[in-house]
Amino acid sequence: MTKYTKRQVSKLAIPGLLCAGLLSSCNNQKDGINELQQQVWQEPGNPDRHISLATAYARQGQSDEAFKAFAKALELDPERAQDIYPAMGAMAFNRGDFETALDYFSRSLEFSPGDSLRLYDIGNVYFKLERYDDASAYYLQAIDNSTAFEEAYYNLAVSYIRTGRNDDALKIYAWLQEKNNYLSVSLERHLYPENNKK
């Protein structure tokens, strides 16, 4: 039998406590979903209940169930589409279903054509589809509506690099050096990949 010192025992106890907290958290989230399912069962005509359940499913990575709950909320109250479409687009994007994500983000944009975040989301979809010119066009629109949107500038610069427009990317790089050091350092890795091979 192995004997442990008090110090070793305390070191072993910390990961155990962390795991216990994690398991407790998982049980709480499952309990939360069970409670939300009960609320939906009690009030099946309440779109807010379906949206809450969909959000909980999405947080748990259960996107199929989340999609169903969001779809039911839309069926009950089509006026909620402006709130639901971005969430459905984000879920589709996160699971790699970029065409579906594009559809939902585009539908969302119909409600608010100048929404910088939705324009950015569409740019990200086109970026993932390797349609960099389309991505650039949407990033530029997002920037036009929100000139301090640093992430949009960053993604625009990477799109420029992918299409051989390094001079344009360098201008953004210079701007980011003053605004956001983290993004400028990351962009530098795209601009000068030969420096990354150390």
N, C-alpha and C. Protein backbone atom coordinates (compact mmCIF):
# COMPACT_ATOMS: atom_id res chain seq x y z
N MET A 1 0.85 -1.17 0.00
CA MET A 1 0.00 0.00 0.00
C MET A 1 0.89 1.24 0.00
N THR A 2 0.56 2.21 -0.85
CA THR A 2 1.35 3.43 -0.97
C THR A 2 0.97 4.38 0.15
N LYS A 3 1.99 4.96 0.77
CA LYS A 3 1.75 5.97 1.81
C LYS A 3 2.07 7.34 1.24
N TYR A 4 1.21 8.30 1.53
CA TYR A 4 1.39 9.66 1.03
C TYR A 4 1.62 10.60 2.20
N THR A 5 2.45 11.60 1.96
CA THR A 5 2.63 12.66 2.95
C THR A 5 1.41 13.57 2.91
N LYS A 6 1.27 14.43 3.92
CA LYS A 6 0.14 15.38 3.93
C LYS A 6 0.18 16.28 2.70
N ARG A 7 1.37 16.67 2.32
CA ARG A 7 1.51 17.54 1.15
C ARG A 7 1.05 16.82 -0.12
N GLN A 8 1.43 15.54 -0.27
CA GLN A 8 1.02 14.77 -1.45
C GLN A 8 -0.50 14.59 -1.46
N VAL A 9 -1.07 14.35 -0.28
CA VAL A 9 -2.51 14.17 -0.20
C VAL A 9 -3.22 15.45 -0.62
N SER A 10 -2.72 16.60 -0.16
CA SER A 10 -3.37 17.86 -0.53
C SER A 10 -3.26 18.10 -2.03
N LYS A 11 -2.13 17.70 -2.63
CA LYS A 11 -1.99 17.86 -4.08
C LYS A 11 -2.95 16.94 -4.83
N LEU A 12 -3.18 15.75 -4.30
CA LEU A 12 -4.12 14.83 -4.94
C LEU A 12 -5.56 15.28 -4.75
N ALA A 13 -5.85 15.94 -3.65
CA ALA A 13 -7.21 16.35 -3.34
C ALA A 13 -7.69 17.46 -4.26
N ILE A 14 -6.81 18.35 -4.66
CA ILE A 14 -7.22 19.49 -5.49
C ILE A 14 -7.82 19.03 -6.81
N PRO A 15 -7.14 18.15 -7.60
CA PRO A 15 -7.78 17.70 -8.83
C PRO A 15 -9.09 16.97 -8.57
N GLY A 16 -9.16 16.23 -7.45
CA GLY A 16 -10.40 15.54 -7.11
C GLY A 16 -11.53 16.51 -6.87
N LEU A 17 -11.23 17.58 -6.15
CA LEU A 17 -12.25 18.61 -5.90
C LEU A 17 -12.68 19.28 -7.20
N LEU A 18 -11.71 19.54 -8.07
CA LEU A 18 -12.04 20.16 -9.35
C LEU A 18 -12.96 19.25 -10.16
N CYS A 19 -12.63 17.96 -10.21
CA CYS A 19 -13.47 17.01 -10.95
C CYS A 19 -14.87 16.94 -10.35
N ALA A 20 -14.94 16.94 -9.02
CA ALA A 20 -16.25 16.89 -8.36
C ALA A 20 -17.07 18.12 -8.74
N GLY A 21 -16.41 19.29 -8.78
CA GLY A 21 -17.11 20.51 -9.18
C GLY A 21 -17.59 20.44 -10.60
N LEU A 22 -16.76 19.87 -11.47
CA LEU A 22 -17.14 19.72 -12.87
C LEU A 22 -18.34 18.80 -13.01
N LEU A 23 -18.30 17.66 -12.31
CA LEU A 23 -19.41 16.72 -12.38
C LEU A 23 -20.68 17.34 -11.82
N SER A 24 -20.54 18.07 -10.74
CA SER A 24 -21.68 18.76 -10.16
C SER A 24 -22.25 19.76 -11.15
N SER A 25 -21.37 20.48 -11.85
CA SER A 25 -21.81 21.44 -12.86
C SER A 25 -22.58 20.74 -13.97
N CYS A 26 -22.06 19.59 -14.41
CA CYS A 26 -22.75 18.83 -15.47
C CYS A 26 -24.13 18.42 -15.00
N ASN A 27 -24.23 17.94 -13.74
CA ASN A 27 -25.53 17.54 -13.23
C ASN A 27 -26.47 18.73 -13.13
N ASN A 28 -25.95 19.89 -12.71
CA ASN A 28 -26.78 21.09 -12.63
C ASN A 28 -27.30 21.48 -14.00
N GLN A 29 -26.46 21.37 -15.03
CA GLN A 29 -26.90 21.73 -16.37
C GLN A 29 -27.96 20.76 -16.87
N LYS A 30 -27.77 19.46 -16.58
CA LYS A 30 -28.79 18.48 -16.97
C LYS A 30 -30.08 18.73 -16.22
N ASP A 31 -29.96 19.06 -14.92
CA ASP A 31 -31.15 19.39 -14.15
C ASP A 31 -31.83 20.62 -14.73
N GLY A 32 -31.03 21.60 -15.16
CA GLY A 32 -31.59 22.80 -15.77
C GLY A 32 -32.36 22.48 -17.03
N ILE A 33 -31.82 21.60 -17.86
CA ILE A 33 -32.53 21.21 -19.08
C ILE A 33 -33.81 20.47 -18.71
N ASN A 34 -33.74 19.58 -17.73
CA ASN A 34 -34.95 18.86 -17.30
C ASN A 34 -36.02 19.83 -16.82
N GLU A 35 -35.59 20.83 -16.06
CA GLU A 35 -36.55 21.82 -15.56
C GLU A 35 -37.16 22.62 -16.72
N LEU A 36 -36.32 23.00 -17.68
CA LEU A 36 -36.82 23.75 -18.84
C LEU A 36 -37.76 22.89 -19.68
N GLN A 37 -37.46 21.61 -19.80
CA GLN A 37 -38.36 20.70 -20.53
C GLN A 37 -39.72 20.64 -19.83
N GLN A 38 -39.71 20.62 -18.50
CA GLN A 38 -40.96 20.63 -17.74
C GLN A 38 -41.75 21.91 -18.00
N GLN A 39 -41.04 23.04 -18.05
CA GLN A 39 -41.70 24.31 -18.31
C GLN A 39 -42.34 24.33 -19.70
N VAL A 40 -41.63 23.76 -20.69
CA VAL A 40 -42.18 23.68 -22.04
C VAL A 40 -43.42 22.78 -22.04
N TRP A 41 -43.34 21.69 -21.31
CA TRP A 41 -44.47 20.77 -21.24
C TRP A 41 -45.68 21.45 -20.59
N GLN A 42 -45.42 22.28 -19.57
CA GLN A 42 -46.50 22.98 -18.87
C GLN A 42 -47.07 24.14 -19.68
N GLU A 43 -46.22 24.77 -20.50
CA GLU A 43 -46.66 25.91 -21.32
C GLU A 43 -46.19 25.72 -22.76
N PRO A 44 -46.75 24.76 -23.47
CA PRO A 44 -46.26 24.46 -24.83
C PRO A 44 -46.47 25.60 -25.83
N GLY A 45 -47.36 26.51 -25.54
CA GLY A 45 -47.61 27.62 -26.45
C GLY A 45 -46.79 28.87 -26.16
N ASN A 46 -45.87 28.78 -25.21
CA ASN A 46 -45.06 29.94 -24.82
C ASN A 46 -43.71 29.89 -25.54
N PRO A 47 -43.50 30.77 -26.53
CA PRO A 47 -42.23 30.73 -27.28
C PRO A 47 -41.00 31.00 -26.41
N ASP A 48 -41.17 31.80 -25.34
CA ASP A 48 -40.04 32.08 -24.45
C ASP A 48 -39.52 30.80 -23.80
N ARG A 49 -40.41 29.90 -23.46
CA ARG A 49 -40.00 28.63 -22.86
C ARG A 49 -39.16 27.82 -23.85
N HIS A 50 -39.59 27.80 -25.10
CA HIS A 50 -38.85 27.06 -26.13
C HIS A 50 -37.49 27.70 -26.39
N ILE A 51 -37.44 29.03 -26.37
CA ILE A 51 -36.17 29.73 -26.58
C ILE A 51 -35.20 29.44 -25.43
N SER A 52 -35.71 29.45 -24.20
CA SER A 52 -34.85 29.13 -23.05
C SER A 52 -34.31 27.71 -23.15
N LEU A 53 -35.16 26.78 -23.54
CA LEU A 53 -34.73 25.39 -23.70
C LEU A 53 -33.71 25.27 -24.83
N ALA A 54 -33.97 25.95 -25.94
CA ALA A 54 -33.03 25.92 -27.07
C ALA A 54 -31.67 26.46 -26.66
N THR A 55 -31.66 27.54 -25.91
CA THR A 55 -30.41 28.13 -25.45
C THR A 55 -29.65 27.17 -24.54
N ALA A 56 -30.36 26.49 -23.66
CA ALA A 56 -29.71 25.51 -22.77
C ALA A 56 -29.14 24.35 -23.58
N TYR A 57 -29.91 23.87 -24.55
CA TYR A 57 -29.40 22.80 -25.42
C TYR A 57 -28.14 23.26 -26.15
N ALA A 58 -28.17 24.47 -26.68
CA ALA A 58 -27.02 24.99 -27.43
C ALA A 58 -25.79 25.06 -26.53
N ARG A 59 -25.95 25.49 -25.30
CA ARG A 59 -24.82 25.57 -24.37
C ARG A 59 -24.24 24.19 -24.07
N GLN A 60 -25.07 23.17 -24.17
CA GLN A 60 -24.62 21.80 -23.93
C GLN A 60 -24.09 21.15 -25.20
N GLY A 61 -24.12 21.88 -26.32
CA GLY A 61 -23.64 21.33 -27.58
C GLY A 61 -24.63 20.40 -28.25
N GLN A 62 -25.87 20.45 -27.83
CA GLN A 62 -26.93 19.62 -28.40
C GLN A 62 -27.66 20.42 -29.47
N SER A 63 -26.97 20.64 -30.59
CA SER A 63 -27.49 21.57 -31.59
C SER A 63 -28.76 21.06 -32.28
N ASP A 64 -28.90 19.75 -32.47
CA ASP A 64 -30.13 19.25 -33.10
C ASP A 64 -31.35 19.58 -32.25
N GLU A 65 -31.23 19.34 -30.95
CA GLU A 65 -32.34 19.64 -30.04
C GLU A 65 -32.58 21.15 -29.98
N ALA A 66 -31.50 21.92 -29.98
CA ALA A 66 -31.62 23.38 -29.95
C ALA A 66 -32.34 23.89 -31.19
N PHE A 67 -31.96 23.35 -32.36
CA PHE A 67 -32.63 23.76 -33.60
C PHE A 67 -34.12 23.48 -33.53
N LYS A 68 -34.49 22.31 -33.03
CA LYS A 68 -35.91 21.95 -32.93
C LYS A 68 -36.66 22.92 -32.01
N ALA A 69 -36.05 23.24 -30.89
CA ALA A 69 -36.71 24.14 -29.94
C ALA A 69 -36.82 25.56 -30.51
N PHE A 70 -35.77 26.02 -31.19
CA PHE A 70 -35.85 27.33 -31.84
C PHE A 70 -36.91 27.34 -32.94
N ALA A 71 -36.96 26.25 -33.72
CA ALA A 71 -37.96 26.16 -34.79
C ALA A 71 -39.38 26.21 -34.22
N LYS A 72 -39.59 25.54 -33.09
CA LYS A 72 -40.91 25.57 -32.45
C LYS A 72 -41.24 26.98 -31.97
N ALA A 73 -40.26 27.68 -31.41
CA ALA A 73 -40.48 29.06 -30.97
C ALA A 73 -40.85 29.95 -32.15
N LEU A 74 -40.18 29.74 -33.28
CA LEU A 74 -40.50 30.51 -34.49
C LEU A 74 -41.91 30.21 -34.99
N GLU A 75 -42.28 28.95 -34.92
CA GLU A 75 -43.63 28.55 -35.34
C GLU A 75 -44.67 29.25 -34.47
N LEU A 76 -44.40 29.34 -33.19
CA LEU A 76 -45.33 29.97 -32.25
C LEU A 76 -45.35 31.49 -32.38
N ASP A 77 -44.20 32.07 -32.67
CA ASP A 77 -44.10 33.53 -32.74
C ASP A 77 -43.09 33.94 -33.81
N PRO A 78 -43.53 34.04 -35.07
CA PRO A 78 -42.61 34.40 -36.16
C PRO A 78 -41.92 35.75 -35.96
N GLU A 79 -42.51 36.61 -35.12
CA GLU A 79 -41.91 37.92 -34.85
C GLU A 79 -40.57 37.81 -34.12
N ARG A 80 -40.28 36.65 -33.55
CA ARG A 80 -39.03 36.44 -32.81
C ARG A 80 -37.87 36.07 -33.73
N ALA A 81 -38.11 36.01 -35.02
CA ALA A 81 -37.08 35.59 -35.97
C ALA A 81 -35.81 36.43 -35.87
N GLN A 82 -35.97 37.72 -35.64
CA GLN A 82 -34.81 38.61 -35.55
C GLN A 82 -33.86 38.17 -34.43
N ASP A 83 -34.41 37.61 -33.37
CA ASP A 83 -33.59 37.14 -32.26
C ASP A 83 -33.09 35.71 -32.47
N ILE A 84 -33.90 34.91 -33.13
CA ILE A 84 -33.60 33.48 -33.25
C ILE A 84 -32.66 33.17 -34.41
N TYR A 85 -32.81 33.85 -35.54
CA TYR A 85 -31.97 33.54 -36.70
C TYR A 85 -30.47 33.65 -36.41
N PRO A 86 -30.01 34.70 -35.71
CA PRO A 86 -28.56 34.75 -35.43
C PRO A 86 -28.08 33.55 -34.59
N ALA A 87 -28.90 33.13 -33.63
CA ALA A 87 -28.52 31.98 -32.80
C ALA A 87 -28.45 30.71 -33.65
N MET A 88 -29.41 30.53 -34.54
CA MET A 88 -29.41 29.35 -35.40
C MET A 88 -28.23 29.40 -36.37
N GLY A 89 -27.91 30.60 -36.86
CA GLY A 89 -26.75 30.75 -37.73
C GLY A 89 -25.46 30.41 -37.01
N ALA A 90 -25.34 30.87 -35.76
CA ALA A 90 -24.13 30.59 -34.98
C ALA A 90 -23.99 29.09 -34.71
N MET A 91 -25.09 28.43 -34.40
CA MET A 91 -25.02 26.99 -34.17
C MET A 91 -24.60 26.25 -35.43
N ALA A 92 -25.18 26.63 -36.56
CA ALA A 92 -24.82 25.98 -37.83
C ALA A 92 -23.35 26.24 -38.15
N PHE A 93 -22.89 27.46 -37.92
CA PHE A 93 -21.49 27.80 -38.17
C PHE A 93 -20.57 26.95 -37.30
N ASN A 94 -20.90 26.84 -36.03
CA ASN A 94 -20.05 26.10 -35.09
C ASN A 94 -19.97 24.62 -35.41
N ARG A 95 -20.99 24.08 -36.05
CA ARG A 95 -20.92 22.66 -36.41
C ARG A 95 -20.44 22.46 -37.85
N GLY A 96 -20.02 23.55 -38.50
CA GLY A 96 -19.42 23.46 -39.83
C GLY A 96 -20.41 23.41 -40.98
N ASP A 97 -21.67 23.70 -40.71
CA ASP A 97 -22.70 23.73 -41.75
C ASP A 97 -22.82 25.17 -42.25
N PHE A 98 -21.85 25.55 -43.09
CA PHE A 98 -21.70 26.95 -43.46
C PHE A 98 -22.81 27.46 -44.37
N GLU A 99 -23.36 26.61 -45.23
CA GLU A 99 -24.46 27.06 -46.10
C GLU A 99 -25.70 27.39 -45.26
N THR A 100 -25.99 26.56 -44.28
CA THR A 100 -27.13 26.84 -43.39
C THR A 100 -26.86 28.09 -42.57
N ALA A 101 -25.64 28.23 -42.08
CA ALA A 101 -25.28 29.44 -41.32
C ALA A 101 -25.49 30.69 -42.17
N LEU A 102 -25.04 30.63 -43.42
CA LEU A 102 -25.21 31.77 -44.32
C LEU A 102 -26.68 32.10 -44.50
N ASP A 103 -27.51 31.08 -44.64
CA ASP A 103 -28.94 31.29 -44.80
C ASP A 103 -29.53 32.03 -43.59
N TYR A 104 -29.22 31.56 -42.40
CA TYR A 104 -29.79 32.19 -41.20
C TYR A 104 -29.22 33.58 -40.96
N PHE A 105 -27.94 33.77 -41.16
CA PHE A 105 -27.36 35.10 -40.98
C PHE A 105 -27.94 36.08 -42.00
N SER A 106 -28.15 35.61 -43.23
CA SER A 106 -28.73 36.48 -44.27
C SER A 106 -30.16 36.84 -43.92
N ARG A 107 -30.92 35.86 -43.43
CA ARG A 107 -32.30 36.15 -43.01
C ARG A 107 -32.31 37.19 -41.88
N SER A 108 -31.38 37.05 -40.97
CA SER A 108 -31.29 37.98 -39.85
C SER A 108 -30.98 39.39 -40.35
N LEU A 109 -30.12 39.48 -41.35
CA LEU A 109 -29.72 40.77 -41.88
C LEU A 109 -30.89 41.52 -42.53
N GLU A 110 -31.90 40.78 -42.98
CA GLU A 110 -33.08 41.42 -43.58
C GLU A 110 -33.79 42.33 -42.58
N PHE A 111 -33.71 42.00 -41.30
CA PHE A 111 -34.36 42.81 -40.27
C PHE A 111 -33.59 44.09 -39.97
N SER A 112 -32.28 44.03 -40.15
CA SER A 112 -31.42 45.16 -39.82
C SER A 112 -30.23 45.16 -40.77
N PRO A 113 -30.41 45.70 -41.98
CA PRO A 113 -29.38 45.61 -43.03
C PRO A 113 -28.02 46.17 -42.65
N GLY A 114 -27.96 47.08 -41.71
CA GLY A 114 -26.68 47.67 -41.34
C GLY A 114 -26.05 47.05 -40.10
N ASP A 115 -26.54 45.90 -39.67
CA ASP A 115 -26.05 45.26 -38.45
C ASP A 115 -24.63 44.76 -38.65
N SER A 116 -23.67 45.45 -38.05
CA SER A 116 -22.25 45.12 -38.24
C SER A 116 -21.92 43.70 -37.84
N LEU A 117 -22.52 43.24 -36.77
CA LEU A 117 -22.23 41.88 -36.30
C LEU A 117 -22.72 40.83 -37.30
N ARG A 118 -23.90 41.02 -37.87
CA ARG A 118 -24.40 40.06 -38.87
C ARG A 118 -23.56 40.13 -40.14
N LEU A 119 -23.15 41.33 -40.55
CA LEU A 119 -22.28 41.46 -41.72
C LEU A 119 -20.96 40.74 -41.48
N TYR A 120 -20.44 40.88 -40.28
CA TYR A 120 -19.21 40.19 -39.88
C TYR A 120 -19.42 38.67 -39.91
N ASP A 121 -20.56 38.22 -39.36
CA ASP A 121 -20.86 36.79 -39.37
C ASP A 121 -20.90 36.23 -40.79
N ILE A 122 -21.53 36.96 -41.69
CA ILE A 122 -21.59 36.52 -43.09
C ILE A 122 -20.19 36.51 -43.69
N GLY A 123 -19.40 37.52 -43.38
CA GLY A 123 -18.01 37.52 -43.82
C GLY A 123 -17.26 36.29 -43.34
N ASN A 124 -17.49 35.91 -42.09
CA ASN A 124 -16.84 34.72 -41.54
C ASN A 124 -17.26 33.44 -42.26
N VAL A 125 -18.54 33.37 -42.62
CA VAL A 125 -19.01 32.19 -43.37
C VAL A 125 -18.29 32.13 -44.72
N TYR A 126 -18.27 33.24 -45.43
CA TYR A 126 -17.57 33.25 -46.72
C TYR A 126 -16.09 32.93 -46.56
N PHE A 127 -15.49 33.40 -45.48
CA PHE A 127 -14.08 33.09 -45.21
C PHE A 127 -13.91 31.58 -45.08
N LYS A 128 -14.77 30.94 -44.30
CA LYS A 128 -14.68 29.49 -44.12
C LYS A 128 -14.91 28.74 -45.43
N LEU A 129 -15.73 29.32 -46.29
CA LEU A 129 -15.99 28.72 -47.61
C LEU A 129 -14.88 29.05 -48.61
N GLU A 130 -13.85 29.76 -48.12
CA GLU A 130 -12.70 30.19 -48.93
C GLU A 130 -13.11 31.09 -50.08
N ARG A 131 -14.16 31.86 -49.87
CA ARG A 131 -14.61 32.88 -50.82
C ARG A 131 -14.16 34.23 -50.26
N TYR A 132 -12.86 34.46 -50.36
CA TYR A 132 -12.23 35.58 -49.67
C TYR A 132 -12.67 36.94 -50.19
N ASP A 133 -12.95 37.06 -51.48
CA ASP A 133 -13.42 38.35 -52.00
C ASP A 133 -14.80 38.68 -51.42
N ASP A 134 -15.68 37.67 -51.35
CA ASP A 134 -16.99 37.89 -50.74
C ASP A 134 -16.84 38.22 -49.25
N ALA A 135 -15.95 37.49 -48.58
CA ALA A 135 -15.71 37.76 -47.16
C ALA A 135 -15.24 39.20 -46.98
N SER A 136 -14.30 39.62 -47.81
CA SER A 136 -13.77 40.99 -47.71
C SER A 136 -14.87 42.02 -47.88
N ALA A 137 -15.78 41.79 -48.82
CA ALA A 137 -16.87 42.74 -49.06
C ALA A 137 -17.74 42.89 -47.80
N TYR A 138 -18.03 41.79 -47.14
CA TYR A 138 -18.85 41.87 -45.93
C TYR A 138 -18.09 42.46 -44.75
N TYR A 139 -16.81 42.14 -44.63
CA TYR A 139 -16.01 42.75 -43.57
C TYR A 139 -15.95 44.27 -43.76
N LEU A 140 -15.81 44.71 -45.01
CA LEU A 140 -15.77 46.15 -45.28
C LEU A 140 -17.09 46.82 -44.90
N GLN A 141 -18.21 46.15 -45.19
CA GLN A 141 -19.51 46.71 -44.80
C GLN A 141 -19.62 46.79 -43.28
N ALA A 142 -19.16 45.75 -42.59
CA ALA A 142 -19.20 45.76 -41.12
C ALA A 142 -18.37 46.92 -40.58
N ILE A 143 -17.21 47.14 -41.17
CA ILE A 143 -16.32 48.23 -40.74
C ILE A 143 -16.95 49.58 -41.05
N ASP A 144 -17.60 49.71 -42.20
CA ASP A 144 -18.26 50.97 -42.54
C ASP A 144 -19.29 51.37 -41.49
N ASN A 145 -19.96 50.37 -40.91
CA ASN A 145 -21.00 50.63 -39.91
C ASN A 145 -20.46 50.70 -38.49
N SER A 146 -19.24 50.24 -38.30
CA SER A 146 -18.63 50.23 -36.96
C SER A 146 -17.12 50.34 -37.13
N THR A 147 -16.64 51.56 -37.23
CA THR A 147 -15.24 51.80 -37.64
C THR A 147 -14.21 51.27 -36.65
N ALA A 148 -14.59 50.96 -35.43
CA ALA A 148 -13.64 50.43 -34.45
C ALA A 148 -13.72 48.91 -34.31
N PHE A 149 -14.31 48.24 -35.26
CA PHE A 149 -14.53 46.79 -35.21
C PHE A 149 -13.21 46.08 -35.55
N GLU A 150 -12.36 45.95 -34.54
CA GLU A 150 -10.99 45.46 -34.74
C GLU A 150 -10.95 44.05 -35.31
N GLU A 151 -11.85 43.17 -34.87
CA GLU A 151 -11.86 41.80 -35.38
C GLU A 151 -12.20 41.76 -36.86
N ALA A 152 -13.09 42.66 -37.29
CA ALA A 152 -13.43 42.73 -38.72
C ALA A 152 -12.22 43.19 -39.52
N TYR A 153 -11.49 44.16 -39.00
CA TYR A 153 -10.26 44.60 -39.67
C TYR A 153 -9.27 43.44 -39.78
N TYR A 154 -9.10 42.72 -38.69
CA TYR A 154 -8.17 41.59 -38.68
C TYR A 154 -8.56 40.55 -39.74
N ASN A 155 -9.83 40.14 -39.73
CA ASN A 155 -10.28 39.13 -40.70
C ASN A 155 -10.19 39.65 -42.13
N LEU A 156 -10.45 40.94 -42.31
CA LEU A 156 -10.29 41.55 -43.63
C LEU A 156 -8.84 41.43 -44.08
N ALA A 157 -7.91 41.73 -43.19
CA ALA A 157 -6.49 41.64 -43.53
C ALA A 157 -6.09 40.21 -43.91
N VAL A 158 -6.58 39.23 -43.16
CA VAL A 158 -6.27 37.83 -43.49
C VAL A 158 -6.87 37.46 -44.85
N SER A 159 -8.07 37.94 -45.13
CA SER A 159 -8.68 37.71 -46.45
C SER A 159 -7.82 38.34 -47.54
N TYR A 160 -7.34 39.54 -47.28
CA TYR A 160 -6.45 40.19 -48.25
C TYR A 160 -5.19 39.36 -48.48
N ILE A 161 -4.61 38.84 -47.42
CA ILE A 161 -3.41 38.01 -47.56
C ILE A 161 -3.72 36.79 -48.42
N ARG A 162 -4.87 36.18 -48.19
CA ARG A 162 -5.23 34.96 -48.94
C ARG A 162 -5.47 35.25 -50.42
N THR A 163 -5.73 36.51 -50.76
CA THR A 163 -5.96 36.87 -52.17
C THR A 163 -4.79 37.66 -52.75
N GLY A 164 -3.66 37.68 -52.03
CA GLY A 164 -2.46 38.32 -52.56
C GLY A 164 -2.42 39.83 -52.41
N ARG A 165 -3.27 40.38 -51.58
CA ARG A 165 -3.30 41.84 -51.39
C ARG A 165 -2.54 42.22 -50.11
N ASN A 166 -1.29 41.83 -50.07
CA ASN A 166 -0.48 42.05 -48.86
C ASN A 166 -0.30 43.53 -48.52
N ASP A 167 -0.23 44.40 -49.53
CA ASP A 167 -0.08 45.83 -49.24
C ASP A 167 -1.27 46.36 -48.45
N ASP A 168 -2.48 45.93 -48.84
CA ASP A 168 -3.67 46.34 -48.09
C ASP A 168 -3.66 45.74 -46.68
N ALA A 169 -3.21 44.50 -46.58
CA ALA A 169 -3.12 43.85 -45.26
C ALA A 169 -2.12 44.57 -44.37
N LEU A 170 -1.02 45.04 -44.95
CA LEU A 170 -0.01 45.77 -44.17
C LEU A 170 -0.56 47.07 -43.59
N LYS A 171 -1.44 47.74 -44.33
CA LYS A 171 -2.05 48.97 -43.81
C LYS A 171 -2.90 48.67 -42.57
N ILE A 172 -3.63 47.58 -42.65
CA ILE A 172 -4.44 47.18 -41.49
C ILE A 172 -3.54 46.77 -40.34
N TYR A 173 -2.46 46.07 -40.66
CA TYR A 173 -1.49 45.66 -39.64
C TYR A 173 -0.96 46.88 -38.89
N ALA A 174 -0.60 47.92 -39.61
CA ALA A 174 -0.10 49.15 -38.98
C ALA A 174 -1.16 49.75 -38.07
N TRP A 175 -2.40 49.76 -38.52
CA TRP A 175 -3.50 50.30 -37.72
C TRP A 175 -3.69 49.45 -36.45
N LEU A 176 -3.67 48.12 -36.61
CA LEU A 176 -3.87 47.23 -35.46
C LEU A 176 -2.75 47.33 -34.44
N GLN A 177 -1.54 47.66 -34.88
CA GLN A 177 -0.43 47.80 -33.93
C GLN A 177 -0.73 48.87 -32.89
N GLU A 178 -1.48 49.87 -33.28
CA GLU A 178 -1.84 50.93 -32.35
C GLU A 178 -3.10 50.60 -31.55
N LYS A 179 -3.96 49.77 -32.11
CA LYS A 179 -5.27 49.52 -31.50
C LYS A 179 -5.33 48.24 -30.67
N ASN A 180 -4.71 47.16 -31.16
CA ASN A 180 -4.88 45.86 -30.52
C ASN A 180 -3.63 45.02 -30.75
N ASN A 181 -2.75 45.02 -29.78
CA ASN A 181 -1.47 44.32 -29.92
C ASN A 181 -1.66 42.83 -30.18
N TYR A 182 -2.62 42.22 -29.49
CA TYR A 182 -2.85 40.79 -29.66
C TYR A 182 -3.18 40.46 -31.12
N LEU A 183 -4.11 41.21 -31.70
CA LEU A 183 -4.49 40.95 -33.10
C LEU A 183 -3.35 41.29 -34.05
N SER A 184 -2.59 42.33 -33.75
CA SER A 184 -1.48 42.68 -34.66
C SER A 184 -0.41 41.59 -34.65
N VAL A 185 -0.12 41.03 -33.48
CA VAL A 185 0.87 39.94 -33.41
C VAL A 185 0.37 38.72 -34.17
N SER A 186 -0.91 38.42 -34.02
CA SER A 186 -1.49 37.29 -34.75
C SER A 186 -1.45 37.53 -36.25
N LEU A 187 -1.77 38.75 -36.66
CA LEU A 187 -1.74 39.08 -38.08
C LEU A 187 -0.32 39.01 -38.63
N GLU A 188 0.64 39.39 -37.82
CA GLU A 188 2.05 39.32 -38.23
C GLU A 188 2.42 37.89 -38.62
N ARG A 189 1.87 36.92 -37.92
CA ARG A 189 2.14 35.51 -38.24
C ARG A 189 1.60 35.13 -39.61
N HIS A 190 0.51 35.76 -40.02
CA HIS A 190 -0.04 35.51 -41.36
C HIS A 190 0.78 36.24 -42.43
N LEU A 191 1.21 37.43 -42.08
CA LEU A 191 1.98 38.22 -43.04
C LEU A 191 3.38 37.65 -43.29
N TYR A 192 3.97 37.12 -42.24
CA TYR A 192 5.35 36.63 -42.33
C TYR A 192 5.44 35.19 -41.83
N PRO A 193 4.82 34.26 -42.55
CA PRO A 193 4.81 32.86 -42.08
C PRO A 193 6.20 32.25 -41.99
N GLU A 194 7.14 32.78 -42.75
CA GLU A 194 8.50 32.24 -42.70
C GLU A 194 9.14 32.43 -41.32
N ASN A 195 8.68 33.42 -40.57
CA ASN A 195 9.21 33.66 -39.22
C ASN A 195 8.64 32.68 -38.19
N ASN A 196 7.62 31.92 -38.57
CA ASN A 196 6.97 30.99 -37.65
C ASN A 196 7.63 29.63 -37.63
N LYS A 197 8.60 29.39 -38.47
CA LYS A 197 9.18 28.06 -38.63
C LYS A 197 10.38 27.82 -37.73
N LYS A 198 10.41 28.46 -36.61
CA LYS A 198 11.55 28.32 -35.69
C LYS A 198 11.35 27.15 -34.77
